[in-house]
Amino acid sequence: MEWAKFDGGIIMDIMNLIVLYLSIVVASVYLIIIYQANRQKRLRQIEERLSLSGSRDIDQMDGIEFERYLVVLFKKQGYQSKTCTCI
C-alpha cells in the first residue's frame, strides 16, 4: 500500500500555503489601513481648504463642492452633517 505512507512533504506544502495565505491577509489589512489614513488626511485637507473659502470661491463651486462646503461650515458651528450619496 504505497499510497498509505505518510509523506512529511505534504504537511510542509500545506504549512507553506497557510503562511502565504496569512501573509496576503496581513498585507491586505495593512494596505487598507494605509488607504484609510491617506483618505482621512485628504478629507481634512479638503475641509481646511473649504473652510477658508470666500464668496468668490462659493460662486465658482459646483454642486458637490458646495455641499461639502456646507458640511464643513455646519460642523464648525457644532452641527452634525454629512453629504448625500450622489448617483
N, C-alpha and C. Protein backbone atom coordinates (compact mmCIF):
# COMPACT_ATOMS: atom_id res chain seq x y z
N MET A 1 0.84 -1.17 0.00
CA MET A 1 0.00 0.00 0.00
C MET A 1 0.89 1.24 0.00
N GLU A 2 1.35 1.53 -1.14
CA GLU A 2 2.27 2.64 -1.33
C GLU A 2 1.60 3.99 -1.00
N TRP A 3 0.34 4.15 -1.30
CA TRP A 3 -0.35 5.42 -1.10
C TRP A 3 -0.62 5.73 0.36
N ALA A 4 -0.55 4.75 1.23
CA ALA A 4 -0.86 4.94 2.64
C ALA A 4 0.34 5.44 3.44
N LYS A 5 1.50 5.56 2.83
CA LYS A 5 2.68 6.03 3.55
C LYS A 5 2.54 7.52 3.85
N PHE A 6 2.99 7.91 5.02
CA PHE A 6 2.95 9.31 5.44
C PHE A 6 4.07 10.07 4.76
N ASP A 7 3.74 11.15 4.15
CA ASP A 7 4.73 11.98 3.47
C ASP A 7 4.77 13.34 4.15
N GLY A 8 5.87 13.64 4.82
CA GLY A 8 6.02 14.91 5.52
C GLY A 8 6.08 16.09 4.57
N GLY A 9 6.38 15.86 3.33
CA GLY A 9 6.43 16.94 2.33
C GLY A 9 5.08 17.58 2.11
N ILE A 10 4.02 16.79 2.19
CA ILE A 10 2.66 17.32 2.01
C ILE A 10 2.33 18.29 3.15
N ILE A 11 2.71 17.93 4.36
CA ILE A 11 2.46 18.80 5.52
C ILE A 11 3.19 20.12 5.34
N MET A 12 4.43 20.07 4.87
CA MET A 12 5.19 21.30 4.65
C MET A 12 4.56 22.15 3.57
N ASP A 13 4.05 21.51 2.51
CA ASP A 13 3.37 22.25 1.45
C ASP A 13 2.14 22.96 1.99
N ILE A 14 1.36 22.27 2.82
CA ILE A 14 0.16 22.86 3.41
C ILE A 14 0.54 24.01 4.34
N MET A 15 1.58 23.83 5.14
CA MET A 15 2.01 24.90 6.04
C MET A 15 2.51 26.11 5.26
N ASN A 16 3.22 25.87 4.16
CA ASN A 16 3.67 26.98 3.32
C ASN A 16 2.49 27.74 2.72
N LEU A 17 1.46 27.02 2.30
CA LEU A 17 0.26 27.66 1.77
C LEU A 17 -0.44 28.49 2.85
N ILE A 18 -0.50 27.97 4.06
CA ILE A 18 -1.12 28.70 5.16
C ILE A 18 -0.34 29.97 5.45
N VAL A 19 0.98 29.87 5.49
CA VAL A 19 1.82 31.04 5.74
C VAL A 19 1.63 32.06 4.61
N LEU A 20 1.58 31.61 3.39
CA LEU A 20 1.36 32.51 2.25
C LEU A 20 0.00 33.19 2.37
N TYR A 21 -1.03 32.44 2.69
CA TYR A 21 -2.38 32.99 2.83
C TYR A 21 -2.40 34.04 3.94
N LEU A 22 -1.82 33.74 5.11
CA LEU A 22 -1.80 34.69 6.21
C LEU A 22 -0.99 35.94 5.86
N SER A 23 0.09 35.77 5.11
CA SER A 23 0.88 36.92 4.67
C SER A 23 0.06 37.83 3.76
N ILE A 24 -0.70 37.24 2.87
CA ILE A 24 -1.55 38.02 1.97
C ILE A 24 -2.63 38.76 2.76
N VAL A 25 -3.23 38.10 3.74
CA VAL A 25 -4.26 38.73 4.57
C VAL A 25 -3.67 39.90 5.35
N VAL A 26 -2.52 39.70 5.97
CA VAL A 26 -1.89 40.76 6.76
C VAL A 26 -1.52 41.94 5.86
N ALA A 27 -0.96 41.66 4.70
CA ALA A 27 -0.59 42.73 3.77
C ALA A 27 -1.83 43.49 3.30
N SER A 28 -2.91 42.79 3.04
CA SER A 28 -4.15 43.44 2.61
C SER A 28 -4.71 44.34 3.69
N VAL A 29 -4.72 43.87 4.91
CA VAL A 29 -5.21 44.69 6.03
C VAL A 29 -4.34 45.93 6.19
N TYR A 30 -3.04 45.75 6.10
CA TYR A 30 -2.11 46.87 6.21
C TYR A 30 -2.37 47.90 5.12
N LEU A 31 -2.57 47.46 3.88
CA LEU A 31 -2.85 48.38 2.77
C LEU A 31 -4.17 49.11 2.97
N ILE A 32 -5.17 48.43 3.49
CA ILE A 32 -6.46 49.07 3.76
C ILE A 32 -6.30 50.14 4.82
N ILE A 33 -5.53 49.86 5.86
CA ILE A 33 -5.31 50.84 6.92
C ILE A 33 -4.59 52.07 6.36
N ILE A 34 -3.58 51.86 5.55
CA ILE A 34 -2.84 52.98 4.94
C ILE A 34 -3.76 53.78 4.03
N TYR A 35 -4.57 53.09 3.23
CA TYR A 35 -5.50 53.77 2.33
C TYR A 35 -6.47 54.64 3.12
N GLN A 36 -7.04 54.10 4.20
CA GLN A 36 -7.99 54.86 5.01
C GLN A 36 -7.32 56.06 5.67
N ALA A 37 -6.11 55.90 6.15
CA ALA A 37 -5.39 57.02 6.77
C ALA A 37 -5.14 58.13 5.76
N ASN A 38 -4.72 57.75 4.55
CA ASN A 38 -4.49 58.75 3.49
C ASN A 38 -5.79 59.42 3.08
N ARG A 39 -6.85 58.66 3.04
CA ARG A 39 -8.16 59.21 2.67
C ARG A 39 -8.61 60.23 3.72
N GLN A 40 -8.44 59.90 5.00
CA GLN A 40 -8.81 60.83 6.06
C GLN A 40 -7.96 62.10 5.98
N LYS A 41 -6.69 61.96 5.67
CA LYS A 41 -5.81 63.12 5.54
C LYS A 41 -6.26 64.01 4.39
N ARG A 42 -6.60 63.40 3.25
CA ARG A 42 -7.08 64.18 2.11
C ARG A 42 -8.39 64.89 2.45
N LEU A 43 -9.29 64.21 3.15
CA LEU A 43 -10.56 64.83 3.52
C LEU A 43 -10.34 66.02 4.46
N ARG A 44 -9.41 65.88 5.41
CA ARG A 44 -9.11 67.00 6.30
C ARG A 44 -8.54 68.18 5.51
N GLN A 45 -7.68 67.90 4.52
CA GLN A 45 -7.12 68.97 3.70
C GLN A 45 -8.21 69.67 2.90
N ILE A 46 -9.13 68.89 2.34
CA ILE A 46 -10.24 69.46 1.59
C ILE A 46 -11.11 70.31 2.51
N GLU A 47 -11.40 69.79 3.70
CA GLU A 47 -12.21 70.56 4.66
C GLU A 47 -11.52 71.86 5.04
N GLU A 48 -10.21 71.82 5.24
CA GLU A 48 -9.47 73.03 5.58
C GLU A 48 -9.55 74.04 4.44
N ARG A 49 -9.36 73.56 3.22
CA ARG A 49 -9.43 74.46 2.06
C ARG A 49 -10.83 75.06 1.93
N LEU A 50 -11.85 74.22 2.13
CA LEU A 50 -13.22 74.71 2.01
C LEU A 50 -13.57 75.70 3.12
N SER A 51 -13.03 75.46 4.31
CA SER A 51 -13.35 76.36 5.42
C SER A 51 -12.77 77.76 5.20
N LEU A 52 -11.75 77.87 4.36
CA LEU A 52 -11.14 79.15 4.06
C LEU A 52 -11.76 79.82 2.83
N SER A 53 -12.76 79.19 2.24
CA SER A 53 -13.37 79.69 1.01
C SER A 53 -14.17 80.96 1.30
N GLY A 54 -14.12 81.87 0.35
CA GLY A 54 -14.89 83.10 0.43
C GLY A 54 -16.04 83.08 -0.55
N SER A 55 -16.72 84.21 -0.68
CA SER A 55 -17.90 84.26 -1.55
C SER A 55 -17.55 84.05 -3.01
N ARG A 56 -16.37 84.53 -3.45
CA ARG A 56 -15.97 84.29 -4.84
C ARG A 56 -15.77 82.81 -5.10
N ASP A 57 -15.16 82.13 -4.13
CA ASP A 57 -14.93 80.68 -4.28
C ASP A 57 -16.26 79.94 -4.33
N ILE A 58 -17.20 80.38 -3.51
CA ILE A 58 -18.51 79.70 -3.47
C ILE A 58 -19.21 79.83 -4.82
N ASP A 59 -19.11 81.00 -5.45
CA ASP A 59 -19.75 81.21 -6.75
C ASP A 59 -19.18 80.28 -7.82
N GLN A 60 -17.94 79.86 -7.66
CA GLN A 60 -17.30 79.02 -8.67
C GLN A 60 -17.43 77.53 -8.37
N MET A 61 -18.02 77.17 -7.23
CA MET A 61 -18.16 75.76 -6.85
C MET A 61 -19.26 75.10 -7.65
N ASP A 62 -19.06 73.80 -7.93
CA ASP A 62 -20.16 73.03 -8.47
C ASP A 62 -21.02 72.54 -7.29
N GLY A 63 -22.06 71.81 -7.58
CA GLY A 63 -23.00 71.40 -6.54
C GLY A 63 -22.37 70.53 -5.46
N ILE A 64 -21.51 69.59 -5.87
CA ILE A 64 -20.89 68.68 -4.91
C ILE A 64 -19.92 69.44 -4.00
N GLU A 65 -19.12 70.34 -4.59
CA GLU A 65 -18.19 71.13 -3.78
C GLU A 65 -18.95 72.02 -2.79
N PHE A 66 -20.06 72.61 -3.26
CA PHE A 66 -20.86 73.46 -2.37
C PHE A 66 -21.45 72.66 -1.22
N GLU A 67 -21.90 71.46 -1.52
CA GLU A 67 -22.45 70.60 -0.47
C GLU A 67 -21.38 70.28 0.56
N ARG A 68 -20.17 69.96 0.11
CA ARG A 68 -19.07 69.69 1.03
C ARG A 68 -18.72 70.94 1.85
N TYR A 69 -18.77 72.10 1.20
CA TYR A 69 -18.53 73.36 1.90
C TYR A 69 -19.53 73.54 3.04
N LEU A 70 -20.80 73.27 2.75
CA LEU A 70 -21.83 73.42 3.78
C LEU A 70 -21.61 72.44 4.94
N VAL A 71 -21.18 71.23 4.64
CA VAL A 71 -20.89 70.24 5.69
C VAL A 71 -19.81 70.77 6.61
N VAL A 72 -18.74 71.31 6.03
CA VAL A 72 -17.64 71.86 6.83
C VAL A 72 -18.14 73.04 7.65
N LEU A 73 -18.91 73.90 7.04
CA LEU A 73 -19.44 75.07 7.73
C LEU A 73 -20.32 74.67 8.91
N PHE A 74 -21.21 73.72 8.68
CA PHE A 74 -22.11 73.28 9.76
C PHE A 74 -21.34 72.58 10.88
N LYS A 75 -20.33 71.78 10.53
CA LYS A 75 -19.54 71.10 11.56
C LYS A 75 -18.80 72.11 12.43
N LYS A 76 -18.30 73.18 11.81
CA LYS A 76 -17.62 74.22 12.57
C LYS A 76 -18.57 74.89 13.56
N GLN A 77 -19.84 74.92 13.22
CA GLN A 77 -20.83 75.55 14.09
C GLN A 77 -21.41 74.57 15.11
N GLY A 78 -20.91 73.34 15.10
CA GLY A 78 -21.32 72.37 16.10
C GLY A 78 -22.42 71.42 15.68
N TYR A 79 -22.87 71.52 14.44
CA TYR A 79 -23.92 70.62 13.95
C TYR A 79 -23.30 69.34 13.40
N GLN A 80 -24.10 68.30 13.38
CA GLN A 80 -23.69 67.07 12.71
C GLN A 80 -24.26 67.11 11.31
N SER A 81 -23.42 66.84 10.33
CA SER A 81 -23.90 66.86 8.96
C SER A 81 -23.10 65.88 8.13
N LYS A 82 -23.67 65.51 7.01
CA LYS A 82 -23.00 64.61 6.09
C LYS A 82 -23.53 64.88 4.69
N THR A 83 -22.75 64.47 3.70
CA THR A 83 -23.19 64.67 2.32
C THR A 83 -24.09 63.53 1.90
N CYS A 84 -24.93 63.83 0.93
CA CYS A 84 -25.79 62.77 0.41
C CYS A 84 -24.99 61.95 -0.60
N THR A 85 -25.48 60.79 -0.92
CA THR A 85 -24.79 59.97 -1.92
C THR A 85 -25.28 60.40 -3.30
N CYS A 86 -24.34 60.71 -4.15
CA CYS A 86 -24.67 61.16 -5.49
C CYS A 86 -24.67 59.98 -6.45
N ILE A 87 -25.65 59.95 -7.28
CA ILE A 87 -25.77 58.85 -8.24
C ILE A 87 -25.30 59.32 -9.60
